[in-house]
């Protein structure tokens, strides 16, 4: 157990991932810190993911839809769906991936 928001690290130009739990073939939990202005271009991934915004805000892409999310908002994206993020301010996200 630990403070999930302790020792946040923002890297210039790329996401800072901290693996919290890696379960064999079930799920993975990560903390992702994204610097203001960073954009992860829309792309498909072979796994489903649940994102919960812990702080900051950003525009999340789900297929062709763009949704502005802020603290306590969440989104679920199915496997093989297009996903992306544009950070409007420093963003901290809890990500839960299926164990693909």
C-alpha atoms as a PDB file:
ATOM      1  CA  UNK A   1       0.000   0.000   0.000  1.00  0.00           C
ATOM      2  CA  UNK A   2       1.136   3.516  -0.751  1.00  0.00           C
ATOM      3  CA  UNK A   3      -0.035   7.008  -1.634  1.00  0.00           C
ATOM      4  CA  UNK A   4      -1.019   6.677  -5.294  1.00  0.00           C
ATOM      5  CA  UNK A   5      -0.290  10.353  -6.012  1.00  0.00           C
ATOM      6  CA  UNK A   6       3.071  10.522  -4.216  1.00  0.00           C
ATOM      7  CA  UNK A   7       6.273  11.114  -6.201  1.00  0.00           C
ATOM      8  CA  UNK A   8       4.605  12.097  -9.458  1.00  0.00           C
ATOM      9  CA  UNK A   9       7.000  12.413 -12.387  1.00  0.00           C
ATOM     10  CA  UNK A  10       6.261  14.273 -15.622  1.00  0.00           C
ATOM     11  CA  UNK A  11       8.628  13.614 -18.535  1.00  0.00           C
ATOM     12  CA  UNK A  12       9.105  16.047 -21.381  1.00  0.00           C
ATOM     13  CA  UNK A  13       7.532  14.722 -24.568  1.00  0.00           C
ATOM     14  CA  UNK A  14       6.402  11.310 -23.327  1.00  0.00           C
ATOM     15  CA  UNK A  15       4.171   9.610 -20.741  1.00  0.00           C
ATOM     16  CA  UNK A  16       5.651   8.601 -17.390  1.00  0.00           C
ATOM     17  CA  UNK A  17       4.269   5.158 -16.548  1.00  0.00           C
ATOM     18  CA  UNK A  18       4.412   3.555 -13.119  1.00  0.00           C
ATOM     19  CA  UNK A  19       3.235  -0.051 -13.000  1.00  0.00           C
ATOM     20  CA  UNK A  20       1.142  -0.661  -9.897  1.00  0.00           C
ATOM     21  CA  UNK A  21      -0.126  -4.224 -10.510  1.00  0.00           C
ATOM     22  CA  UNK A  22       0.704  -6.723 -13.244  1.00  0.00           C
ATOM     23  CA  UNK A  23      -1.588  -9.722 -13.048  1.00  0.00           C
ATOM     24  CA  UNK A  24      -0.982 -12.843 -15.122  1.00  0.00           C
ATOM     25  CA  UNK A  25      -3.453 -12.677 -18.032  1.00  0.00           C
ATOM     26  CA  UNK A  26      -6.123 -10.855 -16.000  1.00  0.00           C
ATOM     27  CA  UNK A  27      -5.400  -7.105 -15.772  1.00  0.00           C
ATOM     28  CA  UNK A  28      -2.698  -4.458 -15.388  1.00  0.00           C
ATOM     29  CA  UNK A  29      -2.944  -1.247 -13.367  1.00  0.00           C
ATOM     30  CA  UNK A  30      -0.722   1.733 -14.157  1.00  0.00           C
ATOM     31  CA  UNK A  31      -0.391   5.340 -13.132  1.00  0.00           C
ATOM     32  CA  UNK A  32       0.289   7.596 -16.093  1.00  0.00           C
ATOM     33  CA  UNK A  33       1.591  11.157 -15.756  1.00  0.00           C
ATOM     34  CA  UNK A  34       1.331  13.282 -18.894  1.00  0.00           C
ATOM     35  CA  UNK A  35       2.771  16.769 -19.234  1.00  0.00           C
ATOM     36  CA  UNK A  36       0.594  19.707 -20.328  1.00  0.00           C
ATOM     37  CA  UNK A  37       0.599  19.961 -24.132  1.00  0.00           C
ATOM     38  CA  UNK A  38       1.573  16.312 -24.692  1.00  0.00           C
ATOM     39  CA  UNK A  39      -0.476  14.519 -27.327  1.00  0.00           C
ATOM     40  CA  UNK A  40      -0.735  10.783 -27.839  1.00  0.00           C
ATOM     41  CA  UNK A  41      -2.014  10.528 -31.398  1.00  0.00           C
ATOM     42  CA  UNK A  42      -5.125   8.379 -31.921  1.00  0.00           C
ATOM     43  CA  UNK A  43      -4.171   4.739 -32.542  1.00  0.00           C
ATOM     44  CA  UNK A  44      -5.657   1.260 -32.018  1.00  0.00           C
ATOM     45  CA  UNK A  45      -4.510  -1.116 -29.257  1.00  0.00           C
ATOM     46  CA  UNK A  46      -5.325  -4.843 -28.929  1.00  0.00           C
ATOM     47  CA  UNK A  47      -6.527  -4.513 -25.312  1.00  0.00           C
ATOM     48  CA  UNK A  48      -9.421  -2.801 -23.527  1.00  0.00           C
ATOM     49  CA  UNK A  49      -8.607  -0.008 -21.077  1.00  0.00           C
ATOM     50  CA  UNK A  50     -10.379   1.963 -18.350  1.00  0.00           C
ATOM     51  CA  UNK A  51      -8.987   5.445 -17.631  1.00  0.00           C
ATOM     52  CA  UNK A  52      -9.858   7.433 -14.471  1.00  0.00           C
ATOM     53  CA  UNK A  53      -8.571  11.019 -14.314  1.00  0.00           C
ATOM     54  CA  UNK A  54      -7.025  11.676 -10.899  1.00  0.00           C
ATOM     55  CA  UNK A  55      -5.878  15.241 -11.607  1.00  0.00           C
ATOM     56  CA  UNK A  56      -5.690  17.655 -14.511  1.00  0.00           C
ATOM     57  CA  UNK A  57      -7.707  17.493 -17.703  1.00  0.00           C
ATOM     58  CA  UNK A  58      -7.438  16.326 -21.272  1.00  0.00           C
ATOM     59  CA  UNK A  59      -9.266  15.452 -24.443  1.00  0.00           C
ATOM     60  CA  UNK A  60      -9.602  11.678 -24.841  1.00  0.00           C
ATOM     61  CA  UNK A  61     -10.287  10.140 -28.231  1.00  0.00           C
ATOM     62  CA  UNK A  62     -12.497   7.048 -28.487  1.00  0.00           C
ATOM     63  CA  UNK A  63     -12.845   6.046 -32.145  1.00  0.00           C
ATOM     64  CA  UNK A  64     -14.068   9.294 -33.804  1.00  0.00           C
ATOM     65  CA  UNK A  65     -15.480  10.840 -30.609  1.00  0.00           C
ATOM     66  CA  UNK A  66     -13.489  13.346 -28.520  1.00  0.00           C
ATOM     67  CA  UNK A  67     -14.410  13.773 -24.835  1.00  0.00           C
ATOM     68  CA  UNK A  68     -13.035  16.392 -22.438  1.00  0.00           C
ATOM     69  CA  UNK A  69     -12.308  14.662 -19.112  1.00  0.00           C
ATOM     70  CA  UNK A  70     -11.279  16.211 -15.784  1.00  0.00           C
ATOM     71  CA  UNK A  71     -10.696  14.979 -12.225  1.00  0.00           C
ATOM     72  CA  UNK A  72     -12.964  12.031 -11.309  1.00  0.00           C
ATOM     73  CA  UNK A  73     -14.158  11.501 -14.916  1.00  0.00           C
ATOM     74  CA  UNK A  74     -13.560   8.166 -16.620  1.00  0.00           C
ATOM     75  CA  UNK A  75     -13.752   6.453 -19.997  1.00  0.00           C
ATOM     76  CA  UNK A  76     -13.728   2.818 -21.098  1.00  0.00           C
ATOM     77  CA  UNK A  77     -12.279   1.912 -24.495  1.00  0.00           C
ATOM     78  CA  UNK A  78     -12.745  -1.555 -25.961  1.00  0.00           C
ATOM     79  CA  UNK A  79      -9.981  -3.648 -27.513  1.00  0.00           C
ATOM     80  CA  UNK A  80      -9.030  -2.542 -31.044  1.00  0.00           C
ATOM     81  CA  UNK A  81     -10.824   0.818 -30.695  1.00  0.00           C
ATOM     82  CA  UNK A  82      -8.931   3.970 -31.610  1.00  0.00           C
ATOM     83  CA  UNK A  83      -7.664   5.917 -28.571  1.00  0.00           C
ATOM     84  CA  UNK A  84      -5.623   9.045 -27.957  1.00  0.00           C
ATOM     85  CA  UNK A  85      -5.071  11.848 -25.423  1.00  0.00           C
ATOM     86  CA  UNK A  86      -4.399  15.598 -25.696  1.00  0.00           C
ATOM     87  CA  UNK A  87      -3.289  17.049 -22.356  1.00  0.00           C
ATOM     88  CA  UNK A  88      -4.837  20.419 -21.535  1.00  0.00           C
ATOM     89  CA  UNK A  89      -2.857  20.592 -18.265  1.00  0.00           C
ATOM     90  CA  UNK A  90      -0.604  18.185 -16.371  1.00  0.00           C
ATOM     91  CA  UNK A  91      -2.667  15.008 -16.264  1.00  0.00           C
ATOM     92  CA  UNK A  92      -2.520  12.025 -13.894  1.00  0.00           C
ATOM     93  CA  UNK A  93      -4.539   8.981 -14.940  1.00  0.00           C
ATOM     94  CA  UNK A  94      -5.206   5.577 -13.426  1.00  0.00           C
ATOM     95  CA  UNK A  95      -5.249   3.038 -16.247  1.00  0.00           C
ATOM     96  CA  UNK A  96      -6.613  -0.488 -15.960  1.00  0.00           C
ATOM     97  CA  UNK A  97      -5.867  -2.713 -18.969  1.00  0.00           C
ATOM     98  CA  UNK A  98      -7.267  -6.119 -19.635  1.00  0.00           C
ATOM     99  CA  UNK A  99      -4.584  -8.789 -19.459  1.00  0.00           C
ATOM    100  CA  UNK A 100      -4.142  -9.186 -23.216  1.00  0.00           C
END
